[in-house]
Structures are given as C-alpha cells and as structure tokens.
Amino acid sequence: CSSLTLVAMGCANGKHGAVVGPHHVAPAMQSQQGMAAPATGSKVFLEDACGEKADAGVDAAVPANNGDCGTIGADQWRQRVTRHAIAGDAPPLHIRVLTCNLGTLPAGESSISTLMTMPDMVGFQECSDVSKVLIDQGLTAKYAGIRGPHSLAMVYATSDWESLGSGAEDVAVDEVEQFKEARGVQWERLRHKKSGKVVFFMNHHGPLRVNSGGRSGGPVTAGSIVRMIFRNVQLGDAVVLVGDFNAQPGSQTLRELERFMPRVVSSVGYAGLDHIFSPQQVVASERLAVGTGLVARLVM
C-alpha cells in the first residue's frame, strides 16, 4: 500500500464519508492536535491505506490516491483556501458575518436582535423555518433565506450579494448517550455585486455530547468539515466557517480545524461553543448578549 490518505480528511477504507470510530484516528494525529494549520514550516501527518504513518513535509509531493477517498496535500489546501491579498488599486471589502443558535435566545428575545446588527450573512442553528423568521420580522426585502438540513439556515443581504449556488452534507452523528440527530454543514457561495469578490460561507451545528465530536470523534468530524470545504470552494473564494460547534476551545474538534484555518473569534457566554473560522483578516469582532450571537468583521 503506497497511496497516502490525509487522516484529517476523515476517510477510511477508501470511501468518502465513512463513519470512522475514534480507534481509527492515527496516534500521530492525536499527538499533534496543537499544530498550526498547514503553513510554511509545519508538517502534515499522513496515513496510508495499511495504517502506516508517514511524515510528509508541507512542500513534499504527495502521490495521488487510487481509491475513492483521494489525497489532499497541504500545498493544495493552501493554494485553494488562503487569505487573499487586496489589490493595490482596489478598495478593501469589509464584510460582517454572524452566527446565532436560535435555541439559545433568552426568553422573550427574538432573532431580530441579531439581524439588527445588519450583517452581510448569517448562519443560524436550531432554525426550523428561516422564511418565517424573515417574514415575522419584516426582513424579506433585505434578506434571502436558505434552509439547510437539521435545522440549519442561512440568510444574506440581497442588496449587496447574489448567490452562486449552495449545498449541504452530513458530517457527524450525536453520541448514543445524548442522541438527537445527525449533524451537517451547509454552504453558500456569495458574490459581492459591486466588487465581484466571492465568499464561501459555511454553517455548522456540531454533535453532542459537548466536546466529544460525536460518534466518530473530534478529528474525524473536523476532517469531514475540511473535506466539504475543499470539495466545494472555488479558487479565489474567501472562506468563512461559522456555527455552534458544541465544542469548546481546546477540544479535539477545534484543534483539528485550527490546523487548517485560524479561529478568529469565539463566544464567552453559553459555554463558549460558538466560533468563527477564516483565513481572512479580522478587523473587529463582537460578542453579543449571551445566547444572541457572535459577529466578526472581516476584510477581503
């Protein structure tokens, strides 16, 4: 077995999306949770189809995998998902992104408290009907809603942005001890009407129990998220990942994601489960009242 598979891609037995138990996670990956995202001077630990570990430098050529799983080299990731420099003759574009779990809103509050901040795009969790949210708050003229699986939803400001396509995929399942449902991601490619710049915006609600990463464990769940980004992002897109991850800083899920993208802001209240990841520069962030949202202003 000479083909290599990136463990963080969450693959097993040469198949995409296989449910992998924690015992399948390579020891090398478990011991390197605190590593920086693939960056100059760092290492990416690979595992071949026989479970043999290989230490491949970031700039090393990684052979193509003959199986269905595929191999994503660190250079490939950096080239496709990276911070994009601002052209000298172009003004910077500032975008406001927000994540909010509607199920955590204090009694008597409503989603309007989050949308009053006038974000460009929002990822909602525990949102059973995003159309009703927009209609009830009189916001249908300003925002368009996209319904996702497992009560995920997104909205974006239609005056400034247009959709280039969306999708969704399951990435995890709750542990048996606290089972509610499968967990997924949804994404949308949004183009800024004036500048033409594109944001790849992804929303996620993580599995229970908190910090477990679900039945397959944190590294596999994080790897599934990374794989969905890599498969669907287009060269030149600015990537933003938001959500209630049901994982706190220091958990295996977040530490694995941080190998690929910086975590730019996290919530403090409500157990610190809400996070925003992006390679883009953060110029401001705001933690709204407990349970009402997390906002970041990014520049691209």
C-alpha atoms as a PDB file:
ATOM      1  CA  CYS A   1       0.000   0.000   0.000  1.00  0.00           C
ATOM      2  CA  SER A   2       1.770   3.088  -1.186  1.00  0.00           C
ATOM      3  CA  SER A   3      -1.059   5.581  -1.605  1.00  0.00           C
ATOM      4  CA  LEU A   4      -1.451   8.146   1.173  1.00  0.00           C
ATOM      5  CA  THR A   5      -4.596   9.499   2.738  1.00  0.00           C
ATOM      6  CA  LEU A   6      -4.733  12.639   4.835  1.00  0.00           C
ATOM      7  CA  VAL A   7      -6.095  11.478   8.181  1.00  0.00           C
ATOM      8  CA  ALA A   8      -7.762  14.829   8.759  1.00  0.00           C
ATOM      9  CA  MET A   9      -9.952  14.190   5.723  1.00  0.00           C
ATOM     10  CA  GLY A  10     -11.922  11.683   7.809  1.00  0.00           C
ATOM     11  CA  CYS A  11     -11.628   8.853   5.300  1.00  0.00           C
ATOM     12  CA  ALA A  12     -11.492   5.135   5.925  1.00  0.00           C
ATOM     13  CA  ASN A  13     -11.451   2.023   3.775  1.00  0.00           C
ATOM     14  CA  GLY A  14     -11.034   4.184   0.681  1.00  0.00           C
ATOM     15  CA  LYS A  15     -14.560   5.638   0.846  1.00  0.00           C
ATOM     16  CA  HIS A  16     -15.845   9.165   1.264  1.00  0.00           C
ATOM     17  CA  GLY A  17     -17.893   9.960   4.325  1.00  0.00           C
ATOM     18  CA  ALA A  18     -17.370   6.636   6.066  1.00  0.00           C
ATOM     19  CA  VAL A  19     -18.256   6.601   9.756  1.00  0.00           C
ATOM     20  CA  VAL A  20     -14.959   6.055  11.497  1.00  0.00           C
ATOM     21  CA  GLY A  21     -14.621   5.215  15.172  1.00  0.00           C
ATOM     22  CA  PRO A  22     -12.109   7.040  17.347  1.00  0.00           C
ATOM     23  CA  HIS A  23      -9.879   3.962  17.308  1.00  0.00           C
ATOM     24  CA  HIS A  24      -9.183   4.622  13.639  1.00  0.00           C
ATOM     25  CA  VAL A  25      -7.591   8.009  14.354  1.00  0.00           C
ATOM     26  CA  ALA A  26      -3.866   7.787  13.871  1.00  0.00           C
ATOM     27  CA  PRO A  27      -1.754   8.231  17.017  1.00  0.00           C
ATOM     28  CA  ALA A  28       0.342  10.770  15.144  1.00  0.00           C
ATOM     29  CA  MET A  29      -2.737  12.906  14.603  1.00  0.00           C
ATOM     30  CA  GLN A  30      -3.823  12.602  18.212  1.00  0.00           C
ATOM     31  CA  SER A  31      -0.422  13.775  19.400  1.00  0.00           C
ATOM     32  CA  GLN A  32      -0.310  16.717  17.011  1.00  0.00           C
ATOM     33  CA  GLN A  33      -3.638  18.371  17.807  1.00  0.00           C
ATOM     34  CA  GLY A  34      -1.968  21.638  18.698  1.00  0.00           C
ATOM     35  CA  MET A  35      -0.127  22.005  15.395  1.00  0.00           C
ATOM     36  CA  ALA A  36      -0.699  25.093  13.308  1.00  0.00           C
ATOM     37  CA  ALA A  37      -2.810  24.854  10.186  1.00  0.00           C
ATOM     38  CA  PRO A  38      -0.825  23.749   7.136  1.00  0.00           C
ATOM     39  CA  ALA A  39       1.621  26.599   6.847  1.00  0.00           C
ATOM     40  CA  THR A  40       5.198  27.185   5.944  1.00  0.00           C
ATOM     41  CA  GLY A  41       7.460  25.092   8.123  1.00  0.00           C
ATOM     42  CA  SER A  42       4.742  22.849   9.569  1.00  0.00           C
ATOM     43  CA  LYS A  43       4.185  19.163   8.931  1.00  0.00           C
ATOM     44  CA  VAL A  44       1.156  17.250   7.762  1.00  0.00           C
ATOM     45  CA  PHE A  45       0.883  13.690   9.094  1.00  0.00           C
ATOM     46  CA  LEU A  46      -0.421  11.175   6.602  1.00  0.00           C
ATOM     47  CA  GLU A  47      -1.563   7.597   6.946  1.00  0.00           C
ATOM     48  CA  ASP A  48      -1.555   5.067   4.138  1.00  0.00           C
ATOM     49  CA  ALA A  49      -4.280   2.511   3.472  1.00  0.00           C
ATOM     50  CA  CYS A  50      -2.491  -0.060   5.650  1.00  0.00           C
ATOM     51  CA  GLY A  51      -2.320   2.255   8.671  1.00  0.00           C
ATOM     52  CA  GLU A  52       1.383   3.036   8.200  1.00  0.00           C
ATOM     53  CA  LYS A  53       2.241   6.555   9.296  1.00  0.00           C
ATOM     54  CA  ALA A  54       4.242   8.817   7.033  1.00  0.00           C
ATOM     55  CA  ASP A  55       5.626  12.217   7.939  1.00  0.00           C
ATOM     56  CA  ALA A  56       5.365  14.337   4.800  1.00  0.00           C
ATOM     57  CA  GLY A  57       6.741  17.866   4.696  1.00  0.00           C
ATOM     58  CA  VAL A  58       4.337  20.579   3.664  1.00  0.00           C
ATOM     59  CA  ASP A  59       6.142  21.076   0.393  1.00  0.00           C
ATOM     60  CA  ALA A  60       6.610  17.375  -0.337  1.00  0.00           C
ATOM     61  CA  ALA A  61       4.913  15.880  -3.362  1.00  0.00           C
ATOM     62  CA  VAL A  62       2.023  13.689  -2.212  1.00  0.00           C
ATOM     63  CA  PRO A  63       1.133  10.844  -4.578  1.00  0.00           C
ATOM     64  CA  ALA A  64      -2.414  10.659  -5.878  1.00  0.00           C
ATOM     65  CA  ASN A  65      -4.628   8.138  -4.162  1.00  0.00           C
ATOM     66  CA  ASN A  66      -6.061   5.435  -6.384  1.00  0.00           C
ATOM     67  CA  GLY A  67      -9.039   4.904  -4.048  1.00  0.00           C
ATOM     68  CA  ASP A  68     -12.251   6.885  -3.806  1.00  0.00           C
ATOM     69  CA  CYS A  69     -11.045   8.835  -0.778  1.00  0.00           C
ATOM     70  CA  GLY A  70      -8.463  10.959  -2.562  1.00  0.00           C
ATOM     71  CA  THR A  71      -5.491  12.787  -1.160  1.00  0.00           C
ATOM     72  CA  ILE A  72      -5.395  16.477  -0.303  1.00  0.00           C
ATOM     73  CA  GLY A  73      -1.874  17.777   0.105  1.00  0.00           C
ATOM     74  CA  ALA A  74      -1.067  20.738   2.290  1.00  0.00           C
ATOM     75  CA  ASP A  75       0.063  22.746  -0.727  1.00  0.00           C
ATOM     76  CA  GLN A  76      -3.256  22.070  -2.431  1.00  0.00           C
ATOM     77  CA  TRP A  77      -5.125  23.278   0.640  1.00  0.00           C
ATOM     78  CA  ARG A  78      -3.031  26.451   0.930  1.00  0.00           C
ATOM     79  CA  GLN A  79      -3.471  27.299  -2.728  1.00  0.00           C
ATOM     80  CA  ARG A  80      -7.232  26.901  -2.648  1.00  0.00           C
ATOM     81  CA  VAL A  81      -8.000  28.161   0.862  1.00  0.00           C
ATOM     82  CA  THR A  82      -5.821  31.101   1.744  1.00  0.00           C
ATOM     83  CA  ARG A  83      -6.062  34.741   2.667  1.00  0.00           C
ATOM     84  CA  HIS A  84      -6.413  36.790  -0.494  1.00  0.00           C
ATOM     85  CA  ALA A  85      -4.313  39.914  -0.845  1.00  0.00           C
ATOM     86  CA  ILE A  86      -6.112  43.161  -1.575  1.00  0.00           C
ATOM     87  CA  ALA A  87      -5.193  44.545  -4.982  1.00  0.00           C
ATOM     88  CA  GLY A  88      -3.383  47.843  -4.789  1.00  0.00           C
ATOM     89  CA  ASP A  89      -5.922  49.647  -6.944  1.00  0.00           C
ATOM     90  CA  ALA A  90      -8.988  48.111  -5.287  1.00  0.00           C
ATOM     91  CA  PRO A  91     -10.579  49.296  -2.046  1.00  0.00           C
ATOM     92  CA  PRO A  92     -10.834  46.652   0.685  1.00  0.00           C
ATOM     93  CA  LEU A  93     -14.195  44.993   1.133  1.00  0.00           C
ATOM     94  CA  HIS A  94     -15.404  44.715   4.723  1.00  0.00           C
ATOM     95  CA  ILE A  95     -17.979  42.023   5.460  1.00  0.00           C
ATOM     96  CA  ARG A  96     -19.950  41.378   8.622  1.00  0.00           C
ATOM     97  CA  VAL A  97     -20.703  37.734   9.389  1.00  0.00           C
ATOM     98  CA  LEU A  98     -22.769  36.423  12.265  1.00  0.00           C
ATOM     99  CA  THR A  99     -23.570  33.072  13.843  1.00  0.00           C
ATOM    100  CA  CYS A 100     -26.521  32.513  16.156  1.00  0.00           C
ATOM    101  CA  ASN A 101     -28.207  29.465  17.681  1.00  0.00           C
ATOM    102  CA  LEU A 102     -31.852  30.496  17.918  1.00  0.00           C
ATOM    103  CA  GLY A 103     -32.468  27.797  20.505  1.00  0.00           C
ATOM    104  CA  THR A 104     -30.251  29.651  22.982  1.00  0.00           C
ATOM    105  CA  LEU A 105     -32.023  33.004  22.754  1.00  0.00           C
ATOM    106  CA  PRO A 106     -33.187  34.231  26.163  1.00  0.00           C
ATOM    107  CA  ALA A 107     -36.915  34.084  26.844  1.00  0.00           C
ATOM    108  CA  GLY A 108     -38.730  36.962  25.186  1.00  0.00           C
ATOM    109  CA  GLU A 109     -35.908  37.646  22.736  1.00  0.00           C
ATOM    110  CA  SER A 110     -36.229  37.125  19.003  1.00  0.00           C
ATOM    111  CA  SER A 111     -33.914  36.705  16.045  1.00  0.00           C
ATOM    112  CA  ILE A 112     -34.396  40.381  15.210  1.00  0.00           C
ATOM    113  CA  SER A 113     -31.829  41.209  17.895  1.00  0.00           C
ATOM    114  CA  THR A 114     -29.171  39.506  15.807  1.00  0.00           C
ATOM    115  CA  LEU A 115     -30.248  40.869  12.447  1.00  0.00           C
ATOM    116  CA  MET A 116     -30.446  44.426  13.814  1.00  0.00           C
ATOM    117  CA  THR A 117     -26.645  44.437  13.584  1.00  0.00           C
ATOM    118  CA  MET A 118     -27.147  44.373   9.778  1.00  0.00           C
ATOM    119  CA  PRO A 119     -24.711  41.603   8.929  1.00  0.00           C
ATOM    120  CA  ASP A 120     -23.942  40.656   5.336  1.00  0.00           C
ATOM    121  CA  MET A 121     -24.552  36.983   6.055  1.00  0.00           C
ATOM    122  CA  VAL A 122     -25.767  34.895   8.982  1.00  0.00           C
ATOM    123  CA  GLY A 123     -25.561  31.237   9.935  1.00  0.00           C
ATOM    124  CA  PHE A 124     -28.478  30.134  12.119  1.00  0.00           C
ATOM    125  CA  GLN A 125     -28.649  26.908  14.105  1.00  0.00           C
ATOM    126  CA  GLU A 126     -31.851  25.445  15.556  1.00  0.00           C
ATOM    127  CA  CYS A 127     -33.854  27.385  12.985  1.00  0.00           C
ATOM    128  CA  SER A 128     -36.771  25.248  11.824  1.00  0.00           C
ATOM    129  CA  ASP A 129     -38.231  27.802   9.396  1.00  0.00           C
ATOM    130  CA  VAL A 130     -35.992  30.611   8.184  1.00  0.00           C
ATOM    131  CA  SER A 131     -38.739  32.016   5.951  1.00  0.00           C
ATOM    132  CA  LYS A 132     -40.978  32.503   8.973  1.00  0.00           C
ATOM    133  CA  VAL A 133     -38.137  34.265  10.803  1.00  0.00           C
ATOM    134  CA  LEU A 134     -37.740  36.766   7.967  1.00  0.00           C
ATOM    135  CA  ILE A 135     -41.484  37.243   7.444  1.00  0.00           C
ATOM    136  CA  ASP A 136     -42.259  37.718  11.136  1.00  0.00           C
ATOM    137  CA  GLN A 137     -39.557  40.360  11.428  1.00  0.00           C
ATOM    138  CA  GLY A 138     -40.394  42.158   8.175  1.00  0.00           C
ATOM    139  CA  LEU A 139     -36.987  41.457   6.678  1.00  0.00           C
ATOM    140  CA  THR A 140     -37.875  39.734   3.414  1.00  0.00           C
ATOM    141  CA  ALA A 141     -36.973  42.879   1.457  1.00  0.00           C
ATOM    142  CA  LYS A 142     -33.455  42.897   2.906  1.00  0.00           C
ATOM    143  CA  TYR A 143     -32.524  39.236   3.270  1.00  0.00           C
ATOM    144  CA  ALA A 144     -32.949  35.955   1.455  1.00  0.00           C
ATOM    145  CA  GLY A 145     -33.041  32.737   3.442  1.00  0.00           C
ATOM    146  CA  ILE A 146     -31.607  29.307   2.635  1.00  0.00           C
ATOM    147  CA  ARG A 147     -32.929  26.316   4.534  1.00  0.00           C
ATOM    148  CA  GLY A 148     -30.463  23.545   5.331  1.00  0.00           C
ATOM    149  CA  PRO A 149     -30.655  20.106   6.954  1.00  0.00           C
ATOM    150  CA  HIS A 150     -31.021  19.511  10.695  1.00  0.00           C
ATOM    151  CA  SER A 151     -32.454  22.998  11.383  1.00  0.00           C
ATOM    152  CA  LEU A 152     -29.530  24.837   9.815  1.00  0.00           C
ATOM    153  CA  ALA A 153     -30.296  28.030   7.904  1.00  0.00           C
ATOM    154  CA  MET A 154     -28.501  30.968   6.311  1.00  0.00           C
ATOM    155  CA  VAL A 155     -29.544  34.445   5.326  1.00  0.00           C
ATOM    156  CA  TYR A 156     -27.711  37.025   3.250  1.00  0.00           C
ATOM    157  CA  ALA A 157     -28.260  40.670   2.339  1.00  0.00           C
ATOM    158  CA  THR A 158     -29.712  40.693  -1.179  1.00  0.00           C
ATOM    159  CA  SER A 159     -28.915  44.344  -1.847  1.00  0.00           C
ATOM    160  CA  ASP A 160     -25.172  43.615  -1.878  1.00  0.00           C
ATOM    161  CA  TRP A 161     -24.845  39.869  -2.531  1.00  0.00           C
ATOM    162  CA  GLU A 162     -26.038  37.295  -5.040  1.00  0.00           C
ATOM    163  CA  SER A 163     -25.988  33.530  -4.687  1.00  0.00           C
ATOM    164  CA  LEU A 164     -23.774  31.406  -6.922  1.00  0.00           C
ATOM    165  CA  GLY A 165     -25.031  28.108  -5.512  1.00  0.00           C
ATOM    166  CA  SER A 166     -25.415  26.225  -2.269  1.00  0.00           C
ATOM    167  CA  GLY A 167     -25.196  22.727  -0.819  1.00  0.00           C
ATOM    168  CA  ALA A 168     -25.260  20.651   2.344  1.00  0.00           C
ATOM    169  CA  GLU A 169     -23.834  17.403   3.684  1.00  0.00           C
ATOM    170  CA  ASP A 170     -23.925  15.359   6.891  1.00  0.00           C
ATOM    171  CA  VAL A 171     -20.599  15.261   8.732  1.00  0.00           C
ATOM    172  CA  ALA A 172     -21.317  13.699  12.144  1.00  0.00           C
ATOM    173  CA  VAL A 173     -23.799  11.855  14.365  1.00  0.00           C
ATOM    174  CA  ASP A 174     -24.524  12.534  18.043  1.00  0.00           C
ATOM    175  CA  GLU A 175     -23.178  10.074  20.593  1.00  0.00           C
ATOM    176  CA  VAL A 176     -25.651   7.429  21.742  1.00  0.00           C
ATOM    177  CA  GLU A 177     -25.673   8.799  25.303  1.00  0.00           C
ATOM    178  CA  GLN A 178     -27.099  12.140  24.144  1.00  0.00           C
ATOM    179  CA  PHE A 179     -28.520  11.383  20.730  1.00  0.00           C
ATOM    180  CA  LYS A 180     -30.728  13.910  18.966  1.00  0.00           C
ATOM    181  CA  GLU A 181     -29.845  13.672  15.281  1.00  0.00           C
ATOM    182  CA  ALA A 182     -27.202  13.603  12.602  1.00  0.00           C
ATOM    183  CA  ARG A 183     -25.236  16.847  12.177  1.00  0.00           C
ATOM    184  CA  GLY A 184     -24.319  18.614   8.988  1.00  0.00           C
ATOM    185  CA  VAL A 185     -22.856  21.594   7.242  1.00  0.00           C
ATOM    186  CA  GLN A 186     -24.448  23.869   4.693  1.00  0.00           C
ATOM    187  CA  TRP A 187     -22.620  26.263   2.426  1.00  0.00           C
ATOM    188  CA  GLU A 188     -23.309  29.071   0.011  1.00  0.00           C
ATOM    189  CA  ARG A 189     -21.084  30.848  -2.492  1.00  0.00           C
ATOM    190  CA  LEU A 190     -21.988  34.536  -2.451  1.00  0.00           C
ATOM    191  CA  ARG A 191     -20.699  37.159  -4.880  1.00  0.00           C
ATOM    192  CA  HIS A 192     -20.490  40.808  -3.912  1.00  0.00           C
ATOM    193  CA  LYS A 193     -22.392  42.688  -6.611  1.00  0.00           C
ATOM    194  CA  LYS A 194     -20.162  45.754  -6.723  1.00  0.00           C
ATOM    195  CA  SER A 195     -16.679  44.261  -6.350  1.00  0.00           C
ATOM    196  CA  GLY A 196     -17.263  40.790  -7.774  1.00  0.00           C
ATOM    197  CA  LYS A 197     -15.498  39.185  -4.802  1.00  0.00           C
ATOM    198  CA  VAL A 198     -16.809  35.814  -3.667  1.00  0.00           C
ATOM    199  CA  VAL A 199     -17.280  34.419  -0.155  1.00  0.00           C
ATOM    200  CA  PHE A 200     -17.610  30.703   0.521  1.00  0.00           C
ATOM    201  CA  PHE A 201     -19.814  30.789   3.619  1.00  0.00           C
ATOM    202  CA  MET A 202     -20.319  27.586   5.625  1.00  0.00           C
ATOM    203  CA  ASN A 203     -22.586  26.999   8.623  1.00  0.00           C
ATOM    204  CA  HIS A 204     -22.356  24.091  11.093  1.00  0.00           C
ATOM    205  CA  HIS A 205     -24.091  22.785  14.218  1.00  0.00           C
ATOM    206  CA  GLY A 206     -21.825  20.311  15.982  1.00  0.00           C
ATOM    207  CA  PRO A 207     -22.647  16.936  17.509  1.00  0.00           C
ATOM    208  CA  LEU A 208     -23.348  16.048  21.125  1.00  0.00           C
ATOM    209  CA  ARG A 209     -22.048  15.338  23.707  1.00  0.00           C
ATOM    210  CA  VAL A 210     -20.239  18.651  24.042  1.00  0.00           C
ATOM    211  CA  ASN A 211     -16.547  18.289  23.116  1.00  0.00           C
ATOM    212  CA  SER A 212     -16.985  14.665  22.010  1.00  0.00           C
ATOM    213  CA  GLY A 213     -17.022  15.263  18.268  1.00  0.00           C
ATOM    214  CA  GLY A 214     -19.903  12.803  18.078  1.00  0.00           C
ATOM    215  CA  ARG A 215     -19.663   9.071  17.489  1.00  0.00           C
ATOM    216  CA  SER A 216     -16.596   9.307  15.257  1.00  0.00           C
ATOM    217  CA  GLY A 217     -14.665  11.715  17.471  1.00  0.00           C
ATOM    218  CA  GLY A 218     -13.441  15.282  17.013  1.00  0.00           C
ATOM    219  CA  PRO A 219     -10.637  14.723  14.466  1.00  0.00           C
ATOM    220  CA  VAL A 220     -12.924  12.821  12.091  1.00  0.00           C
ATOM    221  CA  THR A 221     -15.767  15.350  12.388  1.00  0.00           C
ATOM    222  CA  ALA A 222     -13.368  18.238  11.792  1.00  0.00           C
ATOM    223  CA  GLY A 223     -11.833  16.357   8.883  1.00  0.00           C
ATOM    224  CA  SER A 224     -15.255  15.890   7.304  1.00  0.00           C
ATOM    225  CA  ILE A 225     -15.851  19.650   7.519  1.00  0.00           C
ATOM    226  CA  VAL A 226     -12.455  20.352   5.954  1.00  0.00           C
ATOM    227  CA  ARG A 227     -13.182  17.889   3.153  1.00  0.00           C
ATOM    228  CA  MET A 228     -16.529  19.553   2.375  1.00  0.00           C
ATOM    229  CA  ILE A 229     -14.821  22.942   2.133  1.00  0.00           C
ATOM    230  CA  PHE A 230     -12.089  21.629  -0.147  1.00  0.00           C
ATOM    231  CA  ARG A 231     -14.539  19.840  -2.453  1.00  0.00           C
ATOM    232  CA  ASN A 232     -16.836  22.829  -2.930  1.00  0.00           C
ATOM    233  CA  VAL A 233     -14.758  26.001  -2.642  1.00  0.00           C
ATOM    234  CA  GLN A 234     -13.537  27.656  -5.836  1.00  0.00           C
ATOM    235  CA  LEU A 235     -10.129  29.191  -6.349  1.00  0.00           C
ATOM    236  CA  GLY A 236     -10.288  32.811  -5.241  1.00  0.00           C
ATOM    237  CA  ASP A 237     -13.144  32.356  -2.745  1.00  0.00           C
ATOM    238  CA  ALA A 238     -12.745  33.817   0.732  1.00  0.00           C
ATOM    239  CA  VAL A 239     -13.681  31.045   3.169  1.00  0.00           C
ATOM    240  CA  VAL A 240     -15.710  31.733   6.319  1.00  0.00           C
ATOM    241  CA  LEU A 241     -16.899  28.931   8.621  1.00  0.00           C
ATOM    242  CA  VAL A 242     -19.353  29.734  11.422  1.00  0.00           C
ATOM    243  CA  GLY A 243     -21.509  27.832  13.846  1.00  0.00           C
ATOM    244  CA  ASP A 244     -22.383  26.393  17.196  1.00  0.00           C
ATOM    245  CA  PHE A 245     -19.819  23.590  17.183  1.00  0.00           C
ATOM    246  CA  ASN A 246     -20.821  22.087  20.537  1.00  0.00           C
ATOM    247  CA  ALA A 247     -17.087  22.172  21.127  1.00  0.00           C
ATOM    248  CA  GLN A 248     -15.006  24.480  23.285  1.00  0.00           C
ATOM    249  CA  PRO A 249     -11.513  25.843  22.633  1.00  0.00           C
ATOM    250  CA  GLY A 250      -9.007  23.090  23.331  1.00  0.00           C
ATOM    251  CA  SER A 251     -11.338  20.312  22.174  1.00  0.00           C
ATOM    252  CA  GLN A 252     -10.103  17.867  19.550  1.00  0.00           C
ATOM    253  CA  THR A 253     -12.616  19.200  17.039  1.00  0.00           C
ATOM    254  CA  LEU A 254     -11.433  22.792  17.261  1.00  0.00           C
ATOM    255  CA  ARG A 255      -7.757  21.919  17.499  1.00  0.00           C
ATOM    256  CA  GLU A 256      -8.040  19.876  14.320  1.00  0.00           C
ATOM    257  CA  LEU A 257      -9.868  22.646  12.469  1.00  0.00           C
ATOM    258  CA  GLU A 258      -7.210  25.114  13.607  1.00  0.00           C
ATOM    259  CA  ARG A 259      -4.644  23.062  11.689  1.00  0.00           C
ATOM    260  CA  PHE A 260      -6.332  24.344   8.537  1.00  0.00           C
ATOM    261  CA  MET A 261      -7.859  27.725   9.379  1.00  0.00           C
ATOM    262  CA  PRO A 262      -7.469  30.288  12.152  1.00  0.00           C
ATOM    263  CA  ARG A 263     -10.244  30.528  14.722  1.00  0.00           C
ATOM    264  CA  VAL A 264     -10.799  34.272  14.650  1.00  0.00           C
ATOM    265  CA  VAL A 265     -13.407  34.749  17.385  1.00  0.00           C
ATOM    266  CA  SER A 266     -15.245  32.607  19.940  1.00  0.00           C
ATOM    267  CA  SER A 267     -18.131  33.159  22.306  1.00  0.00           C
ATOM    268  CA  VAL A 268     -17.526  33.551  26.021  1.00  0.00           C
ATOM    269  CA  GLY A 269     -21.015  33.008  27.365  1.00  0.00           C
ATOM    270  CA  TYR A 270     -23.140  29.904  26.953  1.00  0.00           C
ATOM    271  CA  ALA A 271     -20.187  27.537  27.423  1.00  0.00           C
ATOM    272  CA  GLY A 272     -18.090  29.044  24.629  1.00  0.00           C
ATOM    273  CA  LEU A 273     -19.474  26.817  21.866  1.00  0.00           C
ATOM    274  CA  ASP A 274     -19.900  29.400  19.071  1.00  0.00           C
ATOM    275  CA  HIS A 275     -16.947  30.103  16.768  1.00  0.00           C
ATOM    276  CA  ILE A 276     -15.940  31.763  13.516  1.00  0.00           C
ATOM    277  CA  PHE A 277     -13.029  30.472  11.410  1.00  0.00           C
ATOM    278  CA  SER A 278     -11.466  32.242   8.431  1.00  0.00           C
ATOM    279  CA  PRO A 279      -8.077  32.894   6.835  1.00  0.00           C
ATOM    280  CA  GLN A 280      -9.221  36.474   6.194  1.00  0.00           C
ATOM    281  CA  GLN A 281      -8.047  39.319   8.389  1.00  0.00           C
ATOM    282  CA  VAL A 282     -10.366  40.238  11.239  1.00  0.00           C
ATOM    283  CA  VAL A 283     -10.644  43.956  11.892  1.00  0.00           C
ATOM    284  CA  ALA A 284     -13.356  43.804  14.561  1.00  0.00           C
ATOM    285  CA  SER A 285     -15.423  41.277  16.471  1.00  0.00           C
ATOM    286  CA  GLU A 286     -18.325  41.477  18.850  1.00  0.00           C
ATOM    287  CA  ARG A 287     -19.830  39.006  21.264  1.00  0.00           C
ATOM    288  CA  LEU A 288     -23.463  39.905  21.561  1.00  0.00           C
ATOM    289  CA  ALA A 289     -25.549  39.334  24.679  1.00  0.00           C
ATOM    290  CA  VAL A 290     -25.404  35.782  25.991  1.00  0.00           C
ATOM    291  CA  GLY A 291     -27.108  33.418  23.569  1.00  0.00           C
ATOM    292  CA  THR A 292     -27.813  36.031  20.887  1.00  0.00           C
ATOM    293  CA  GLY A 293     -24.844  35.749  18.561  1.00  0.00           C
ATOM    294  CA  LEU A 294     -21.252  36.274  17.583  1.00  0.00           C
ATOM    295  CA  VAL A 295     -20.196  38.830  14.959  1.00  0.00           C
ATOM    296  CA  ALA A 296     -16.927  39.314  13.087  1.00  0.00           C
ATOM    297  CA  ARG A 297     -15.957  41.976  10.555  1.00  0.00           C
ATOM    298  CA  LEU A 298     -13.513  40.610   8.020  1.00  0.00           C
ATOM    299  CA  VAL A 299     -11.605  42.326   5.241  1.00  0.00           C
ATOM    300  CA  MET A 300     -11.017  40.887   1.800  1.00  0.00           C
END
